[in-house]
C-alpha cells in the first residue's frame, strides 16, 4: 500500500473445523498455492495453509511461482 503497510487476505472458501485434527476435501482456489495433498485429491488439514503461506512468501521474495506446470499433477 502507499503507506507501506501490507494487507493479506484469503478469498477462498472458509471452513470451521470442530477440532484441529479435522480434515477437508474441498478443492477450490488457485492451483499455484495448492498443497501436494490437494493436488492428489486427498484430505488435508490446517497444514495446507502453512504450505500456501510458504508459496506466497517465496513468490513475494523471488517474484515468481516456485512450481510451474501445465496441469495440477
C-alpha atoms as a PDB file:
ATOM      1  CA  UNK A   1       0.000   0.000   0.000  1.00  0.00           C
ATOM      2  CA  UNK A   2       1.061   3.621  -0.366  1.00  0.00           C
ATOM      3  CA  UNK A   3       1.556   3.913   3.399  1.00  0.00           C
ATOM      4  CA  UNK A   4       3.974   0.907   3.221  1.00  0.00           C
ATOM      5  CA  UNK A   5       1.536  -1.382   5.018  1.00  0.00           C
ATOM      6  CA  UNK A   6       0.924  -4.944   3.834  1.00  0.00           C
ATOM      7  CA  UNK A   7      -2.524  -6.460   3.646  1.00  0.00           C
ATOM      8  CA  UNK A   8      -3.038 -10.196   3.300  1.00  0.00           C
ATOM      9  CA  UNK A   9      -6.433 -11.719   2.681  1.00  0.00           C
ATOM     10  CA  UNK A  10      -7.949 -15.060   1.845  1.00  0.00           C
ATOM     11  CA  UNK A  11     -10.560 -15.025  -0.898  1.00  0.00           C
ATOM     12  CA  UNK A  12     -11.194 -18.771  -0.799  1.00  0.00           C
ATOM     13  CA  UNK A  13     -13.776 -20.946   0.867  1.00  0.00           C
ATOM     14  CA  UNK A  14     -13.653 -20.861   4.665  1.00  0.00           C
ATOM     15  CA  UNK A  15     -14.475 -23.837   6.839  1.00  0.00           C
ATOM     16  CA  UNK A  16     -14.722 -24.027  10.605  1.00  0.00           C
ATOM     17  CA  UNK A  17     -13.440 -27.314  11.983  1.00  0.00           C
ATOM     18  CA  UNK A  18     -14.655 -28.920  15.174  1.00  0.00           C
ATOM     19  CA  UNK A  19     -11.075 -29.765  16.158  1.00  0.00           C
ATOM     20  CA  UNK A  20      -7.518 -29.252  14.978  1.00  0.00           C
ATOM     21  CA  UNK A  21      -7.443 -32.851  13.733  1.00  0.00           C
ATOM     22  CA  UNK A  22     -10.319 -32.281  11.296  1.00  0.00           C
ATOM     23  CA  UNK A  23      -9.661 -32.757   7.605  1.00  0.00           C
ATOM     24  CA  UNK A  24     -11.290 -31.292   4.489  1.00  0.00           C
ATOM     25  CA  UNK A  25     -11.564 -32.282   0.835  1.00  0.00           C
ATOM     26  CA  UNK A  26     -12.727 -29.080  -0.887  1.00  0.00           C
ATOM     27  CA  UNK A  27     -10.586 -28.251  -3.916  1.00  0.00           C
ATOM     28  CA  UNK A  28     -11.238 -24.614  -4.732  1.00  0.00           C
ATOM     29  CA  UNK A  29      -8.640 -21.928  -5.184  1.00  0.00           C
ATOM     30  CA  UNK A  30      -5.577 -21.023  -7.190  1.00  0.00           C
ATOM     31  CA  UNK A  31      -3.595 -24.167  -8.077  1.00  0.00           C
ATOM     32  CA  UNK A  32      -0.254 -22.368  -7.573  1.00  0.00           C
ATOM     33  CA  UNK A  33      -0.936 -22.435  -3.838  1.00  0.00           C
ATOM     34  CA  UNK A  34      -2.366 -25.972  -3.550  1.00  0.00           C
ATOM     35  CA  UNK A  35      -0.517 -28.315  -1.223  1.00  0.00           C
ATOM     36  CA  UNK A  36       0.574 -31.730  -2.529  1.00  0.00           C
ATOM     37  CA  UNK A  37      -2.378 -33.318  -0.678  1.00  0.00           C
ATOM     38  CA  UNK A  38      -4.830 -31.105  -2.531  1.00  0.00           C
ATOM     39  CA  UNK A  39      -3.197 -31.870  -5.888  1.00  0.00           C
ATOM     40  CA  UNK A  40      -3.615 -35.587  -5.212  1.00  0.00           C
ATOM     41  CA  UNK A  41      -7.270 -35.139  -4.196  1.00  0.00           C
ATOM     42  CA  UNK A  42      -6.525 -36.323  -0.650  1.00  0.00           C
ATOM     43  CA  UNK A  43      -7.932 -34.926   2.576  1.00  0.00           C
ATOM     44  CA  UNK A  44      -5.971 -32.095   4.106  1.00  0.00           C
ATOM     45  CA  UNK A  45      -5.717 -30.173   7.388  1.00  0.00           C
ATOM     46  CA  UNK A  46      -4.582 -26.740   8.546  1.00  0.00           C
ATOM     47  CA  UNK A  47      -1.051 -27.669   7.441  1.00  0.00           C
ATOM     48  CA  UNK A  48      -2.106 -26.935   3.867  1.00  0.00           C
ATOM     49  CA  UNK A  49      -2.497 -23.269   4.884  1.00  0.00           C
ATOM     50  CA  UNK A  50       1.142 -23.279   6.050  1.00  0.00           C
ATOM     51  CA  UNK A  51       2.164 -24.710   2.646  1.00  0.00           C
ATOM     52  CA  UNK A  52       0.231 -21.952   0.857  1.00  0.00           C
ATOM     53  CA  UNK A  53       1.804 -19.286   3.047  1.00  0.00           C
ATOM     54  CA  UNK A  54       5.252 -20.666   2.199  1.00  0.00           C
ATOM     55  CA  UNK A  55       4.436 -20.486  -1.516  1.00  0.00           C
ATOM     56  CA  UNK A  56       3.229 -16.906  -1.074  1.00  0.00           C
ATOM     57  CA  UNK A  57       6.366 -15.860   0.847  1.00  0.00           C
ATOM     58  CA  UNK A  58       8.548 -17.449  -1.836  1.00  0.00           C
ATOM     59  CA  UNK A  59       6.604 -15.619  -4.536  1.00  0.00           C
ATOM     60  CA  UNK A  60       6.968 -12.287  -2.734  1.00  0.00           C
ATOM     61  CA  UNK A  61      10.713 -12.835  -2.252  1.00  0.00           C
ATOM     62  CA  UNK A  62      11.671 -14.184  -5.695  1.00  0.00           C
ATOM     63  CA  UNK A  63       8.841 -12.591  -7.722  1.00  0.00           C
ATOM     64  CA  UNK A  64       7.883 -15.853  -9.425  1.00  0.00           C
ATOM     65  CA  UNK A  65       5.991 -19.030  -8.571  1.00  0.00           C
ATOM     66  CA  UNK A  66       8.039 -21.843  -7.026  1.00  0.00           C
ATOM     67  CA  UNK A  67       6.247 -24.522  -9.061  1.00  0.00           C
ATOM     68  CA  UNK A  68       5.180 -24.224 -12.689  1.00  0.00           C
ATOM     69  CA  UNK A  69       3.328 -26.755 -14.767  1.00  0.00           C
ATOM     70  CA  UNK A  70       0.679 -27.244 -17.417  1.00  0.00           C
ATOM     71  CA  UNK A  71      -1.586 -29.238 -15.083  1.00  0.00           C
ATOM     72  CA  UNK A  72      -2.055 -29.848 -11.355  1.00  0.00           C
ATOM     73  CA  UNK A  73      -0.180 -33.137 -11.235  1.00  0.00           C
END
